[in-house]
C-alpha atoms as a PDB file:
ATOM      1  CA  MET A   1      42.356  24.891 -35.168  1.00  0.00           C
ATOM      2  CA  ALA A   2      40.590  21.603 -35.409  1.00  0.00           C
ATOM      3  CA  ALA A   3      37.215  21.571 -37.058  1.00  0.00           C
ATOM      4  CA  PRO A   4      34.287  21.268 -34.637  1.00  0.00           C
ATOM      5  CA  VAL A   5      33.030  17.732 -34.150  1.00  0.00           C
ATOM      6  CA  LYS A   6      29.562  17.280 -35.547  1.00  0.00           C
ATOM      7  CA  SER A   7      27.212  15.329 -33.344  1.00  0.00           C
ATOM      8  CA  SER A   8      25.506  12.390 -34.930  1.00  0.00           C
ATOM      9  CA  PRO A   9      21.896  11.353 -34.309  1.00  0.00           C
ATOM     10  CA  LYS A  10      23.257   8.531 -32.152  1.00  0.00           C
ATOM     11  CA  ASP A  11      24.907  11.046 -29.831  1.00  0.00           C
ATOM     12  CA  ALA A  12      21.707  13.033 -29.299  1.00  0.00           C
ATOM     13  CA  VAL A  13      19.737  12.374 -26.119  1.00  0.00           C
ATOM     14  CA  ASP A  14      16.117  11.623 -26.835  1.00  0.00           C
ATOM     15  CA  GLU A  15      14.420  12.939 -23.709  1.00  0.00           C
ATOM     16  CA  SER A  16      11.038  11.654 -24.880  1.00  0.00           C
ATOM     17  CA  ALA A  17      12.451   8.117 -24.740  1.00  0.00           C
ATOM     18  CA  SER A  18      13.371   8.377 -21.062  1.00  0.00           C
ATOM     19  CA  THR A  19      11.587   5.856 -18.828  1.00  0.00           C
ATOM     20  CA  VAL A  20      12.277   7.774 -15.605  1.00  0.00           C
ATOM     21  CA  GLN A  21       9.650  10.181 -14.289  1.00  0.00           C
ATOM     22  CA  THR A  22       9.436  12.146 -11.033  1.00  0.00           C
ATOM     23  CA  LEU A  23       6.055  11.361  -9.508  1.00  0.00           C
ATOM     24  CA  THR A  24       3.920  11.611  -6.401  1.00  0.00           C
ATOM     25  CA  ILE A  25       2.199   8.467  -5.126  1.00  0.00           C
ATOM     26  CA  GLY A  26      -1.140   9.668  -6.484  1.00  0.00           C
ATOM     27  CA  LYS A  27       0.216  10.357  -9.958  1.00  0.00           C
ATOM     28  CA  ALA A  28       2.115   7.063  -9.928  1.00  0.00           C
ATOM     29  CA  ILE A  29      -1.084   5.103  -9.284  1.00  0.00           C
ATOM     30  CA  ASN A  30      -2.828   7.080 -12.033  1.00  0.00           C
ATOM     31  CA  LEU A  31      -0.087   6.221 -14.526  1.00  0.00           C
ATOM     32  CA  GLY A  32       0.000   2.612 -13.331  1.00  0.00           C
ATOM     33  CA  LEU A  33      -3.731   2.276 -13.984  1.00  0.00           C
ATOM     34  CA  ARG A  34      -3.255   3.874 -17.396  1.00  0.00           C
ATOM     35  CA  ALA A  35      -0.437   1.444 -18.267  1.00  0.00           C
ATOM     36  CA  ALA A  36      -2.554  -1.546 -17.217  1.00  0.00           C
ATOM     37  CA  MET A  37      -5.488  -0.343 -19.316  1.00  0.00           C
ATOM     38  CA  GLU A  38      -3.286   0.218 -22.344  1.00  0.00           C
ATOM     39  CA  ALA A  39      -1.776  -3.262 -21.997  1.00  0.00           C
ATOM     40  CA  ASP A  40      -5.089  -5.136 -21.588  1.00  0.00           C
ATOM     41  CA  ASP A  41      -8.477  -3.990 -22.871  1.00  0.00           C
ATOM     42  CA  LYS A  42     -10.131  -6.291 -20.312  1.00  0.00           C
ATOM     43  CA  VAL A  43      -9.096  -3.936 -17.493  1.00  0.00           C
ATOM     44  CA  ILE A  44     -12.132  -1.924 -16.371  1.00  0.00           C
ATOM     45  CA  ILE A  45     -12.331   0.720 -13.611  1.00  0.00           C
ATOM     46  CA  LEU A  46     -15.553   1.235 -11.690  1.00  0.00           C
ATOM     47  CA  GLY A  47     -16.550   3.217  -8.639  1.00  0.00           C
ATOM     48  CA  GLU A  48     -18.230   6.327  -7.310  1.00  0.00           C
ATOM     49  CA  ASP A  49     -17.184   9.436  -9.277  1.00  0.00           C
ATOM     50  CA  VAL A  50     -14.150   7.704 -10.837  1.00  0.00           C
ATOM     51  CA  GLY A  51     -15.057   8.851 -14.343  1.00  0.00           C
ATOM     52  CA  LYS A  52     -16.007  12.436 -15.014  1.00  0.00           C
ATOM     53  CA  LEU A  53     -14.676  13.725 -11.681  1.00  0.00           C
ATOM     54  CA  GLY A  54     -11.572  11.515 -11.671  1.00  0.00           C
ATOM     55  CA  GLY A  55     -12.243  10.206  -8.160  1.00  0.00           C
ATOM     56  CA  VAL A  56     -12.531  12.128  -4.912  1.00  0.00           C
ATOM     57  CA  PHE A  57      -8.708  12.228  -4.731  1.00  0.00           C
ATOM     58  CA  ARG A  58      -8.364  12.610  -8.540  1.00  0.00           C
ATOM     59  CA  ILE A  59      -6.462   9.323  -8.841  1.00  0.00           C
ATOM     60  CA  THR A  60      -8.416   8.285 -11.957  1.00  0.00           C
ATOM     61  CA  ASP A  61      -8.251  11.753 -13.489  1.00  0.00           C
ATOM     62  CA  GLY A  62      -8.312  11.707 -17.296  1.00  0.00           C
ATOM     63  CA  LEU A  63      -8.886   7.968 -17.669  1.00  0.00           C
ATOM     64  CA  GLN A  64     -12.541   8.125 -18.698  1.00  0.00           C
ATOM     65  CA  LYS A  65     -11.740  10.838 -21.248  1.00  0.00           C
ATOM     66  CA  ASP A  66      -9.054   8.676 -22.842  1.00  0.00           C
ATOM     67  CA  PHE A  67     -10.575   5.189 -22.503  1.00  0.00           C
ATOM     68  CA  GLY A  68     -14.294   5.939 -22.649  1.00  0.00           C
ATOM     69  CA  GLU A  69     -17.321   5.351 -20.450  1.00  0.00           C
ATOM     70  CA  GLN A  70     -17.373   1.630 -21.228  1.00  0.00           C
ATOM     71  CA  ARG A  71     -14.063   1.103 -19.427  1.00  0.00           C
ATOM     72  CA  VAL A  72     -14.236   3.751 -16.686  1.00  0.00           C
ATOM     73  CA  LEU A  73     -17.690   3.507 -15.143  1.00  0.00           C
ATOM     74  CA  ASP A  74     -19.314   5.871 -12.656  1.00  0.00           C
ATOM     75  CA  THR A  75     -21.461   3.759 -10.333  1.00  0.00           C
ATOM     76  CA  PRO A  76     -24.274   4.429  -7.882  1.00  0.00           C
ATOM     77  CA  LEU A  77     -23.362   4.978  -4.219  1.00  0.00           C
ATOM     78  CA  ALA A  78     -23.585   1.280  -3.432  1.00  0.00           C
ATOM     79  CA  GLU A  79     -20.382  -0.535  -2.463  1.00  0.00           C
ATOM     80  CA  SER A  80     -22.109  -3.917  -2.389  1.00  0.00           C
ATOM     81  CA  GLY A  81     -23.240  -3.333  -5.969  1.00  0.00           C
ATOM     82  CA  ILE A  82     -19.759  -2.199  -7.030  1.00  0.00           C
ATOM     83  CA  ILE A  83     -18.067  -5.330  -5.654  1.00  0.00           C
ATOM     84  CA  GLY A  84     -20.839  -7.648  -6.836  1.00  0.00           C
ATOM     85  CA  THR A  85     -20.660  -6.200 -10.356  1.00  0.00           C
ATOM     86  CA  ALA A  86     -16.875  -6.629 -10.346  1.00  0.00           C
ATOM     87  CA  VAL A  87     -17.219 -10.288  -9.356  1.00  0.00           C
ATOM     88  CA  GLY A  88     -19.589 -10.867 -12.279  1.00  0.00           C
ATOM     89  CA  LEU A  89     -17.268  -9.069 -14.690  1.00  0.00           C
ATOM     90  CA  ALA A  90     -14.280 -11.121 -13.489  1.00  0.00           C
ATOM     91  CA  VAL A  91     -16.160 -14.382 -14.022  1.00  0.00           C
ATOM     92  CA  ARG A  92     -16.787 -13.212 -17.596  1.00  0.00           C
ATOM     93  CA  GLY A  93     -13.089 -12.662 -18.249  1.00  0.00           C
ATOM     94  CA  PHE A  94     -12.570  -9.018 -17.313  1.00  0.00           C
ATOM     95  CA  ARG A  95     -10.103  -7.584 -14.813  1.00  0.00           C
ATOM     96  CA  PRO A  96     -12.131  -5.043 -12.820  1.00  0.00           C
ATOM     97  CA  VAL A  97     -10.530  -2.407 -10.594  1.00  0.00           C
ATOM     98  CA  CYS A  98     -12.961  -1.071  -7.984  1.00  0.00           C
ATOM     99  CA  GLU A  99     -12.400   2.166  -6.118  1.00  0.00           C
ATOM    100  CA  ILE A 100     -13.830   2.575  -2.626  1.00  0.00           C
ATOM    101  CA  GLN A 101     -13.869   6.323  -1.942  1.00  0.00           C
ATOM    102  CA  PHE A 102     -12.858   5.984   1.731  1.00  0.00           C
ATOM    103  CA  GLU A 103     -11.919   2.872   3.691  1.00  0.00           C
ATOM    104  CA  GLY A 104     -14.878   3.341   6.048  1.00  0.00           C
ATOM    105  CA  PHE A 105     -17.294   2.964   3.130  1.00  0.00           C
ATOM    106  CA  ILE A 106     -16.107  -0.546   2.321  1.00  0.00           C
ATOM    107  CA  PHE A 107     -18.311  -2.314   4.865  1.00  0.00           C
ATOM    108  CA  PRO A 108     -21.534  -2.323   2.806  1.00  0.00           C
ATOM    109  CA  GLY A 109     -19.477  -4.393   0.361  1.00  0.00           C
ATOM    110  CA  PHE A 110     -17.938  -6.622   3.041  1.00  0.00           C
ATOM    111  CA  ASP A 111     -20.384  -9.494   2.425  1.00  0.00           C
ATOM    112  CA  GLN A 112     -19.585  -9.555  -1.301  1.00  0.00           C
ATOM    113  CA  ILE A 113     -15.848  -9.455  -0.536  1.00  0.00           C
ATOM    114  CA  SER A 114     -15.848 -12.184   2.114  1.00  0.00           C
ATOM    115  CA  SER A 115     -18.619 -14.453   0.788  1.00  0.00           C
ATOM    116  CA  GLN A 116     -18.047 -14.230  -2.971  1.00  0.00           C
ATOM    117  CA  LEU A 117     -14.792 -12.541  -3.983  1.00  0.00           C
ATOM    118  CA  ALA A 118     -12.629 -14.480  -1.523  1.00  0.00           C
ATOM    119  CA  LYS A 119     -14.271 -17.859  -2.050  1.00  0.00           C
ATOM    120  CA  LEU A 120     -15.276 -18.369  -5.683  1.00  0.00           C
ATOM    121  CA  HIS A 121     -11.894 -19.776  -6.743  1.00  0.00           C
ATOM    122  CA  TYR A 122     -11.989 -22.376  -3.953  1.00  0.00           C
ATOM    123  CA  ARG A 123     -15.699 -23.045  -4.302  1.00  0.00           C
ATOM    124  CA  SER A 124     -15.210 -23.885  -7.987  1.00  0.00           C
ATOM    125  CA  GLN A 125     -12.154 -26.083  -7.292  1.00  0.00           C
ATOM    126  CA  GLY A 126      -9.978 -23.626  -9.191  1.00  0.00           C
ATOM    127  CA  LYS A 127     -12.152 -23.496 -12.305  1.00  0.00           C
ATOM    128  CA  ILE A 128     -13.187 -19.857 -11.770  1.00  0.00           C
ATOM    129  CA  LYS A 129     -10.722 -17.015 -11.380  1.00  0.00           C
ATOM    130  CA  VAL A 130     -11.711 -13.662  -9.882  1.00  0.00           C
ATOM    131  CA  PRO A 131      -8.928 -11.191 -10.751  1.00  0.00           C
ATOM    132  CA  VAL A 132     -10.516  -8.203  -9.003  1.00  0.00           C
ATOM    133  CA  VAL A 133      -8.543  -5.336  -7.454  1.00  0.00           C
ATOM    134  CA  VAL A 134     -10.269  -3.277  -4.765  1.00  0.00           C
ATOM    135  CA  ARG A 135      -8.493   0.053  -4.294  1.00  0.00           C
ATOM    136  CA  VAL A 136      -8.910   1.351  -0.745  1.00  0.00           C
ATOM    137  CA  PRO A 137      -7.629   4.804   0.287  1.00  0.00           C
ATOM    138  CA  PHE A 138      -6.933   4.332   4.006  1.00  0.00           C
ATOM    139  CA  GLY A 139      -5.478   5.910   7.119  1.00  0.00           C
ATOM    140  CA  GLY A 140      -5.717   9.273   8.836  1.00  0.00           C
ATOM    141  CA  GLY A 141      -3.909  12.558   8.678  1.00  0.00           C
ATOM    142  CA  ILE A 142      -6.299  14.456   6.395  1.00  0.00           C
ATOM    143  CA  GLY A 143      -8.376  16.201   9.075  1.00  0.00           C
ATOM    144  CA  ALA A 144     -11.416  13.968   8.552  1.00  0.00           C
ATOM    145  CA  VAL A 145     -13.507  11.901  10.966  1.00  0.00           C
ATOM    146  CA  GLU A 146     -14.607   8.291  11.340  1.00  0.00           C
ATOM    147  CA  HIS A 147     -15.451   6.449   8.101  1.00  0.00           C
ATOM    148  CA  HIS A 148     -12.813   8.629   6.380  1.00  0.00           C
ATOM    149  CA  SER A 149      -9.608   7.945   8.329  1.00  0.00           C
ATOM    150  CA  GLU A 150      -9.600   4.345   9.479  1.00  0.00           C
ATOM    151  CA  SER A 151      -7.253   1.393   9.002  1.00  0.00           C
ATOM    152  CA  PRO A 152      -9.321  -1.817   8.607  1.00  0.00           C
ATOM    153  CA  GLU A 153      -6.707  -3.857   6.767  1.00  0.00           C
ATOM    154  CA  SER A 154      -6.396  -6.468   9.537  1.00  0.00           C
ATOM    155  CA  LEU A 155     -10.010  -7.520   8.939  1.00  0.00           C
ATOM    156  CA  PHE A 156      -9.314  -8.401   5.320  1.00  0.00           C
ATOM    157  CA  ALA A 157      -5.956 -10.018   6.000  1.00  0.00           C
ATOM    158  CA  HIS A 158      -7.861 -12.502   8.175  1.00  0.00           C
ATOM    159  CA  ILE A 159     -10.075 -13.644   5.275  1.00  0.00           C
ATOM    160  CA  ALA A 160      -8.646 -16.662   3.464  1.00  0.00           C
ATOM    161  CA  GLY A 161      -8.644 -16.253  -0.305  1.00  0.00           C
ATOM    162  CA  LEU A 162      -7.770 -12.547  -0.347  1.00  0.00           C
ATOM    163  CA  LYS A 163      -4.420 -10.907  -0.964  1.00  0.00           C
ATOM    164  CA  VAL A 164      -3.802  -7.587   0.821  1.00  0.00           C
ATOM    165  CA  VAL A 165      -1.015  -5.141  -0.077  1.00  0.00           C
ATOM    166  CA  SER A 166      -0.099  -1.508   0.628  1.00  0.00           C
ATOM    167  CA  CYS A 167       2.319   0.853  -1.100  1.00  0.00           C
ATOM    168  CA  SER A 168       4.381   3.586   0.596  1.00  0.00           C
ATOM    169  CA  ASN A 169       6.309   5.288  -2.231  1.00  0.00           C
ATOM    170  CA  PRO A 170       5.797   6.293  -5.888  1.00  0.00           C
ATOM    171  CA  ALA A 171       7.823   3.465  -7.463  1.00  0.00           C
ATOM    172  CA  ASP A 172       5.883   0.814  -5.571  1.00  0.00           C
ATOM    173  CA  ALA A 173       2.603   2.605  -6.255  1.00  0.00           C
ATOM    174  CA  TYR A 174       3.255   2.556 -10.013  1.00  0.00           C
ATOM    175  CA  TRP A 175       4.333  -1.070 -10.230  1.00  0.00           C
ATOM    176  CA  MET A 176       2.279  -2.712  -7.466  1.00  0.00           C
ATOM    177  CA  ILE A 177      -1.056  -1.537  -8.894  1.00  0.00           C
ATOM    178  CA  GLN A 178      -0.147  -3.104 -12.250  1.00  0.00           C
ATOM    179  CA  GLN A 179       1.041  -6.315 -10.596  1.00  0.00           C
ATOM    180  CA  ALA A 180      -2.157  -6.490  -8.553  1.00  0.00           C
ATOM    181  CA  ILE A 181      -4.265  -6.094 -11.696  1.00  0.00           C
ATOM    182  CA  ALA A 182      -2.242  -8.813 -13.454  1.00  0.00           C
ATOM    183  CA  SER A 183      -2.732 -11.223 -10.526  1.00  0.00           C
ATOM    184  CA  ASP A 184      -5.395 -13.908 -10.936  1.00  0.00           C
ATOM    185  CA  ASP A 185      -6.228 -13.616  -7.228  1.00  0.00           C
ATOM    186  CA  PRO A 186      -8.458 -10.920  -5.693  1.00  0.00           C
ATOM    187  CA  VAL A 187      -6.273  -8.167  -4.240  1.00  0.00           C
ATOM    188  CA  LEU A 188      -7.181  -5.420  -1.797  1.00  0.00           C
ATOM    189  CA  PHE A 189      -4.867  -2.516  -2.545  1.00  0.00           C
ATOM    190  CA  PHE A 190      -4.598  -0.176   0.443  1.00  0.00           C
ATOM    191  CA  GLU A 191      -3.360   3.290  -0.530  1.00  0.00           C
ATOM    192  CA  PRO A 192      -2.030   5.848   2.018  1.00  0.00           C
ATOM    193  CA  LYS A 193      -4.369   8.708   1.164  1.00  0.00           C
ATOM    194  CA  ARG A 194      -2.536  11.392   3.117  1.00  0.00           C
ATOM    195  CA  LEU A 195       0.568  10.728   1.036  1.00  0.00           C
ATOM    196  CA  TYR A 196      -1.154  10.835  -2.379  1.00  0.00           C
ATOM    197  CA  HIS A 197      -0.022  14.356  -3.211  1.00  0.00           C
ATOM    198  CA  ASN A 198       2.799  14.801  -0.689  1.00  0.00           C
ATOM    199  CA  GLY A 199       5.526  16.647  -2.583  1.00  0.00           C
ATOM    200  CA  GLN A 200       8.167  15.567  -0.069  1.00  0.00           C
ATOM    201  CA  LEU A 201       7.703  11.972  -1.222  1.00  0.00           C
ATOM    202  CA  LYS A 202       7.992  12.867  -4.899  1.00  0.00           C
ATOM    203  CA  SER A 203      10.680  10.635  -6.372  1.00  0.00           C
ATOM    204  CA  GLU A 204      11.964   9.129  -9.584  1.00  0.00           C
ATOM    205  CA  VAL A 205      10.121   6.133 -10.981  1.00  0.00           C
ATOM    206  CA  ASP A 206      11.599   3.957 -13.707  1.00  0.00           C
ATOM    207  CA  THR A 207       8.538   2.963 -15.703  1.00  0.00           C
ATOM    208  CA  ALA A 208      10.510   0.315 -17.601  1.00  0.00           C
ATOM    209  CA  ASN A 209      11.891  -1.706 -14.678  1.00  0.00           C
ATOM    210  CA  PRO A 210       9.592  -3.206 -12.020  1.00  0.00           C
ATOM    211  CA  ALA A 211      10.377  -2.222  -8.430  1.00  0.00           C
ATOM    212  CA  GLY A 212      10.239  -5.858  -7.295  1.00  0.00           C
ATOM    213  CA  PRO A 213       7.742  -8.719  -6.850  1.00  0.00           C
ATOM    214  CA  LEU A 214       4.311  -7.896  -5.436  1.00  0.00           C
ATOM    215  CA  PHE A 215       4.152 -10.139  -2.375  1.00  0.00           C
ATOM    216  CA  ALA A 216       7.546  -9.329  -0.855  1.00  0.00           C
ATOM    217  CA  SER A 217       8.729  -7.042   1.942  1.00  0.00           C
ATOM    218  CA  ARG A 218      11.863  -4.931   1.610  1.00  0.00           C
ATOM    219  CA  VAL A 219      14.566  -3.342   3.748  1.00  0.00           C
ATOM    220  CA  VAL A 220      14.376   0.393   2.933  1.00  0.00           C
ATOM    221  CA  ARG A 221      17.019   1.569   5.418  1.00  0.00           C
ATOM    222  CA  GLN A 222      19.773  -0.513   6.965  1.00  0.00           C
ATOM    223  CA  GLY A 223      20.662  -0.356  10.645  1.00  0.00           C
ATOM    224  CA  THR A 224      22.193  -2.335  13.489  1.00  0.00           C
ATOM    225  CA  ASP A 225      20.591  -1.329  16.821  1.00  0.00           C
ATOM    226  CA  ALA A 226      16.872  -2.075  16.338  1.00  0.00           C
ATOM    227  CA  THR A 227      14.393  -2.973  13.606  1.00  0.00           C
ATOM    228  CA  LEU A 228      11.316  -0.946  12.699  1.00  0.00           C
ATOM    229  CA  VAL A 229       8.664  -2.634  10.556  1.00  0.00           C
ATOM    230  CA  ALA A 230       5.722  -0.821   8.953  1.00  0.00           C
ATOM    231  CA  TYR A 231       3.607  -0.512   5.810  1.00  0.00           C
ATOM    232  CA  GLY A 232       1.708   2.213   3.985  1.00  0.00           C
ATOM    233  CA  PRO A 233       1.759   5.650   5.665  1.00  0.00           C
ATOM    234  CA  SER A 234       3.714   4.402   8.691  1.00  0.00           C
ATOM    235  CA  VAL A 235       6.831   3.717   6.613  1.00  0.00           C
ATOM    236  CA  LYS A 236       7.523   7.447   6.267  1.00  0.00           C
ATOM    237  CA  VAL A 237       7.095   7.859  10.044  1.00  0.00           C
ATOM    238  CA  CYS A 238       9.676   5.115  10.646  1.00  0.00           C
ATOM    239  CA  LEU A 239      12.137   6.574   8.146  1.00  0.00           C
ATOM    240  CA  ASP A 240      11.823   9.992   9.802  1.00  0.00           C
ATOM    241  CA  ALA A 241      12.381   8.366  13.201  1.00  0.00           C
ATOM    242  CA  ALA A 242      15.474   6.560  11.927  1.00  0.00           C
ATOM    243  CA  THR A 243      16.889   9.853  10.642  1.00  0.00           C
ATOM    244  CA  ALA A 244      16.253  11.534  13.998  1.00  0.00           C
ATOM    245  CA  ALA A 245      17.733   8.591  15.921  1.00  0.00           C
ATOM    246  CA  GLN A 246      20.907   8.732  13.828  1.00  0.00           C
ATOM    247  CA  GLU A 247      21.612  12.187  15.272  1.00  0.00           C
ATOM    248  CA  GLU A 248      21.735  10.505  18.695  1.00  0.00           C
ATOM    249  CA  GLY A 249      24.085   7.804  17.483  1.00  0.00           C
ATOM    250  CA  ARG A 250      21.457   5.094  17.065  1.00  0.00           C
ATOM    251  CA  SER A 251      21.203   2.976  13.941  1.00  0.00           C
ATOM    252  CA  LEU A 252      17.680   1.805  13.084  1.00  0.00           C
ATOM    253  CA  GLU A 253      16.797  -0.631  10.302  1.00  0.00           C
ATOM    254  CA  VAL A 254      13.462   0.057   8.557  1.00  0.00           C
ATOM    255  CA  ILE A 255      11.493  -2.609   6.706  1.00  0.00           C
ATOM    256  CA  ASP A 256       8.530  -1.862   4.461  1.00  0.00           C
ATOM    257  CA  LEU A 257       6.207  -4.884   4.601  1.00  0.00           C
ATOM    258  CA  ARG A 258       4.407  -3.972   1.335  1.00  0.00           C
ATOM    259  CA  THR A 259       2.416  -7.224   1.554  1.00  0.00           C
ATOM    260  CA  ILE A 260       0.047  -7.703   4.488  1.00  0.00           C
ATOM    261  CA  SER A 261      -1.454 -10.996   3.357  1.00  0.00           C
ATOM    262  CA  PRO A 262       0.493 -13.093   2.684  1.00  0.00           C
ATOM    263  CA  LEU A 263       2.981 -11.694   5.205  1.00  0.00           C
ATOM    264  CA  ASP A 264       6.571 -11.872   4.032  1.00  0.00           C
ATOM    265  CA  LEU A 265       8.448 -11.881   7.342  1.00  0.00           C
ATOM    266  CA  GLY A 266      11.688 -13.357   5.993  1.00  0.00           C
ATOM    267  CA  PRO A 267      13.533 -10.019   5.877  1.00  0.00           C
ATOM    268  CA  VAL A 268      12.062  -9.069   9.274  1.00  0.00           C
ATOM    269  CA  ILE A 269      13.245 -12.260  10.953  1.00  0.00           C
ATOM    270  CA  GLU A 270      16.682 -11.946   9.373  1.00  0.00           C
ATOM    271  CA  SER A 271      16.924  -8.353  10.599  1.00  0.00           C
ATOM    272  CA  VAL A 272      15.774  -9.127  14.152  1.00  0.00           C
ATOM    273  CA  ARG A 273      18.331 -11.913  14.446  1.00  0.00           C
ATOM    274  CA  ARG A 274      20.959  -9.213  13.869  1.00  0.00           C
ATOM    275  CA  THR A 275      19.509  -6.312  15.867  1.00  0.00           C
ATOM    276  CA  GLY A 276      17.799  -8.251  18.663  1.00  0.00           C
ATOM    277  CA  ARG A 277      14.962  -5.716  18.831  1.00  0.00           C
ATOM    278  CA  LEU A 278      11.732  -5.067  16.931  1.00  0.00           C
ATOM    279  CA  ILE A 279       9.161  -2.269  16.959  1.00  0.00           C
ATOM    280  CA  ALA A 280       6.069  -2.704  14.743  1.00  0.00           C
ATOM    281  CA  VAL A 281       4.376   0.549  13.705  1.00  0.00           C
ATOM    282  CA  THR A 282       0.863   0.821  12.220  1.00  0.00           C
ATOM    283  CA  GLU A 283      -2.104   3.193  12.376  1.00  0.00           C
ATOM    284  CA  ALA A 284      -4.514   0.311  12.976  1.00  0.00           C
ATOM    285  CA  PRO A 285      -5.663  -0.463  16.536  1.00  0.00           C
ATOM    286  CA  SER A 286      -3.400  -2.971  18.275  1.00  0.00           C
ATOM    287  CA  GLU A 287      -6.000  -5.544  19.332  1.00  0.00           C
ATOM    288  CA  SER A 288      -6.017  -8.636  17.059  1.00  0.00           C
ATOM    289  CA  SER A 289      -4.107  -6.819  14.328  1.00  0.00           C
ATOM    290  CA  ILE A 290      -1.287  -7.210  11.818  1.00  0.00           C
ATOM    291  CA  SER A 291       1.110  -5.938  14.488  1.00  0.00           C
ATOM    292  CA  SER A 292      -0.120  -8.716  16.791  1.00  0.00           C
ATOM    293  CA  GLU A 293       0.649 -11.341  14.140  1.00  0.00           C
ATOM    294  CA  ILE A 294       4.091  -9.856  13.507  1.00  0.00           C
ATOM    295  CA  ALA A 295       4.906  -9.900  17.229  1.00  0.00           C
ATOM    296  CA  ALA A 296       3.707 -13.492  17.650  1.00  0.00           C
ATOM    297  CA  ARG A 297       5.608 -14.896  14.693  1.00  0.00           C
ATOM    298  CA  VAL A 298       8.827 -12.997  15.346  1.00  0.00           C
ATOM    299  CA  GLN A 299       9.033 -14.143  18.975  1.00  0.00           C
ATOM    300  CA  GLN A 300       8.332 -17.681  17.742  1.00  0.00           C
ATOM    301  CA  GLU A 301      11.147 -17.570  15.202  1.00  0.00           C
ATOM    302  CA  CYS A 302      13.616 -15.284  17.003  1.00  0.00           C
ATOM    303  CA  PHE A 303      13.089 -16.136  20.676  1.00  0.00           C
ATOM    304  CA  TYR A 304      16.774 -16.657  21.463  1.00  0.00           C
ATOM    305  CA  SER A 305      17.848 -13.615  19.423  1.00  0.00           C
ATOM    306  CA  LEU A 306      15.570 -11.090  21.105  1.00  0.00           C
ATOM    307  CA  GLU A 307      17.213  -8.705  23.575  1.00  0.00           C
ATOM    308  CA  ALA A 308      13.866  -7.077  24.450  1.00  0.00           C
ATOM    309  CA  PRO A 309      10.148  -7.779  23.987  1.00  0.00           C
ATOM    310  CA  VAL A 310       8.624  -6.938  20.622  1.00  0.00           C
ATOM    311  CA  LEU A 311       6.999  -3.520  21.026  1.00  0.00           C
ATOM    312  CA  ARG A 312       4.144  -1.990  19.045  1.00  0.00           C
ATOM    313  CA  VAL A 313       3.282   1.620  18.222  1.00  0.00           C
ATOM    314  CA  THR A 314      -0.267   1.720  16.896  1.00  0.00           C
ATOM    315  CA  GLY A 315      -3.553   3.573  16.820  1.00  0.00           C
ATOM    316  CA  PHE A 316      -5.644   3.218  19.952  1.00  0.00           C
ATOM    317  CA  ASP A 317      -8.396   0.645  20.479  1.00  0.00           C
ATOM    318  CA  THR A 318     -11.120   3.244  20.003  1.00  0.00           C
ATOM    319  CA  PRO A 319     -13.135   4.542  17.068  1.00  0.00           C
ATOM    320  CA  TYR A 320     -11.208   7.145  15.082  1.00  0.00           C
ATOM    321  CA  PRO A 321     -11.392  10.478  16.933  1.00  0.00           C
ATOM    322  CA  PRO A 322     -12.437  13.984  15.782  1.00  0.00           C
ATOM    323  CA  SER A 323      -9.817  15.671  13.614  1.00  0.00           C
ATOM    324  CA  LYS A 324      -8.542  17.903  16.443  1.00  0.00           C
ATOM    325  CA  LEU A 325      -7.383  14.756  18.282  1.00  0.00           C
ATOM    326  CA  GLU A 326      -5.932  12.762  15.397  1.00  0.00           C
ATOM    327  CA  ASP A 327      -2.370  14.006  15.983  1.00  0.00           C
ATOM    328  CA  HIS A 328      -2.597  12.340  19.394  1.00  0.00           C
ATOM    329  CA  TYR A 329      -4.144   9.190  17.934  1.00  0.00           C
ATOM    330  CA  LEU A 330      -1.746   8.564  15.065  1.00  0.00           C
ATOM    331  CA  PRO A 331       1.717   7.051  15.625  1.00  0.00           C
ATOM    332  CA  ASP A 332       4.261   9.818  15.148  1.00  0.00           C
ATOM    333  CA  LEU A 333       8.010  10.334  15.373  1.00  0.00           C
ATOM    334  CA  ASP A 334       7.962  10.935  19.146  1.00  0.00           C
ATOM    335  CA  ARG A 335       5.968   7.798  19.914  1.00  0.00           C
ATOM    336  CA  VAL A 336       8.235   5.690  17.727  1.00  0.00           C
ATOM    337  CA  LEU A 337      11.412   7.116  19.292  1.00  0.00           C
ATOM    338  CA  HIS A 338       9.962   6.536  22.770  1.00  0.00           C
ATOM    339  CA  ALA A 339       9.428   2.879  21.866  1.00  0.00           C
ATOM    340  CA  VAL A 340      13.019   2.699  20.607  1.00  0.00           C
ATOM    341  CA  ASP A 341      14.211   4.120  23.935  1.00  0.00           C
ATOM    342  CA  ARG A 342      12.204   1.516  25.828  1.00  0.00           C
ATOM    343  CA  SER A 343      13.529  -1.319  23.664  1.00  0.00           C
ATOM    344  CA  LEU A 344      17.175  -0.242  23.908  1.00  0.00           C
ATOM    345  CA  GLY A 345      16.828   0.375  27.647  1.00  0.00           C
ATOM    346  CA  TRP A 346      15.493  -3.095  28.379  1.00  0.00           C
END
């Protein structure tokens, strides 16, 4: 009988050295913030309850304990003061990350964002950089009311000088927050709050290999019959719709925009030239929105490829409703599939 083969240290698997972790979106952002703070001591987090409490959604949990109160600062309930302080810190060489507890609370800071944060680089002829990230939990689906469930991203995408992005999965959440912090431009980082701790979206994240560039959209499911385009929480809705449509023999391509400003419509235009149909899906109201811009630019670029008008599935042009009505307000699988039926039946 042959002697047993002894394993050498080289053959052993060092599990602690693995760079792949299974994460939720919320945990991925937490670890992304941690990685950015470890890499650069100029990264500072500030906001309401971000320190001792770890944020209302616990996204900054543990960071103040590990990095101290000088780098994770609990602020007064004053969004204008939070943004204004971040602008001053950025001018002094720091890379501040502001947390706005809910998207509806951002408007007291709107003047600082539009008048200072977006314009200082241009006003100084490029001499001043303002690398500020404003984290904005947004969207509905948590049983809350107005000021806690809205989608105001179109307002900020319209302001020249700002970059606006939104993640939809753990890998993007982990890498995009770090890329936003590393950017020398001010970035509004819209986070789908109802997906923070969704176990169904838990997936493997390779913390050693970036998921892709920050300002680029991506095809997340290939298809041939129609194109669905979305960002943030609406990406999951589109993927679920594509799965349901497949059972009926329909092949839907799904594109995650990821970047709202600047819009990267290259993959969308390429897809529509193949499928001939486009449905844009967002929670934001349809009037003067990102979905409006997508529809306008796609018909401009793909006029002779379109087999049907560009359709939109969005929130309604009303204030966000009471929680008992939000299932009717939010785009869901049925509304998306109905739009697909209308497009294919044209």
